[in-house]
Amino acid sequence: MAALANSGNNVYTAWQNNDTGHWNVFFAKRSDGGKTLKTMMISAPNKGHTIV
């Protein structure tokens, strides 16, 4: 299940994924009126570190 939030023209979403057999958390941001979506993995708990 994804979480959504907005502030002004920005839209933010976060979700978890287990496609590789390991749970990861992703974050995406739209800040240009919806033209592009920037996505990043913000955690990899099974590897013990955070990616920003």
Protein backbone atom coordinates (compact mmCIF):
# COMPACT_ATOMS: atom_id res chain seq x y z
CA MET A 1 0.00 0.00 0.00
CA ALA A 2 1.37 3.42 -0.95
CA ALA A 3 1.10 6.56 1.16
CA LEU A 4 0.41 9.86 -0.65
CA ALA A 5 0.83 13.48 0.46
CA ASN A 6 0.91 16.84 -1.25
CA SER A 7 2.11 20.33 -0.45
CA GLY A 8 1.52 23.11 -2.96
CA ASN A 9 2.49 21.76 -6.39
CA ASN A 10 4.53 18.89 -4.90
CA VAL A 11 3.24 15.34 -4.61
CA TYR A 12 5.02 12.72 -2.49
CA THR A 13 4.51 8.98 -2.23
CA ALA A 14 6.22 6.13 -0.37
CA TRP A 15 5.77 2.38 -0.67
CA GLN A 16 7.36 -0.93 0.26
CA ASN A 17 8.37 -3.62 -2.21
CA ASN A 18 9.48 -7.24 -1.88
CA ASP A 19 10.07 -8.16 -5.57
CA THR A 20 13.64 -9.30 -4.90
CA GLY A 21 12.77 -11.28 -1.76
CA HIS A 22 14.04 -8.45 0.45
CA TRP A 23 11.82 -5.65 1.75
CA ASN A 24 12.82 -2.16 0.61
CA VAL A 25 11.16 1.23 1.04
CA PHE A 26 10.90 3.65 -1.89
CA PHE A 27 10.05 7.35 -2.04
CA ALA A 28 8.96 9.40 -5.06
CA LYS A 29 8.45 13.13 -5.56
CA ARG A 30 6.78 15.18 -8.28
CA SER A 31 7.75 18.84 -8.05
CA ASP A 32 7.28 20.10 -11.60
CA GLY A 33 3.53 19.93 -12.01
CA GLY A 34 3.54 16.18 -12.70
CA LYS A 35 5.90 16.17 -15.69
CA THR A 36 8.51 13.93 -14.07
CA LEU A 37 8.68 11.54 -11.15
CA LYS A 38 11.92 11.26 -9.16
CA THR A 39 12.18 7.94 -7.32
CA MET A 40 14.76 6.70 -4.83
CA MET A 41 15.19 3.75 -2.52
CA ILE A 42 15.43 5.17 0.98
CA SER A 43 16.16 2.03 2.94
CA ALA A 44 17.34 -1.50 2.52
CA PRO A 45 16.73 -2.94 6.01
CA ASN A 46 18.05 -6.42 5.21
CA LYS A 47 21.39 -4.93 4.15
CA GLY A 48 21.64 -2.72 7.24
CA HIS A 49 22.04 0.65 5.55
CA THR A 50 20.09 3.55 4.11
CA ILE A 51 20.40 4.86 0.57
CA VAL A 52 19.58 8.53 -0.10
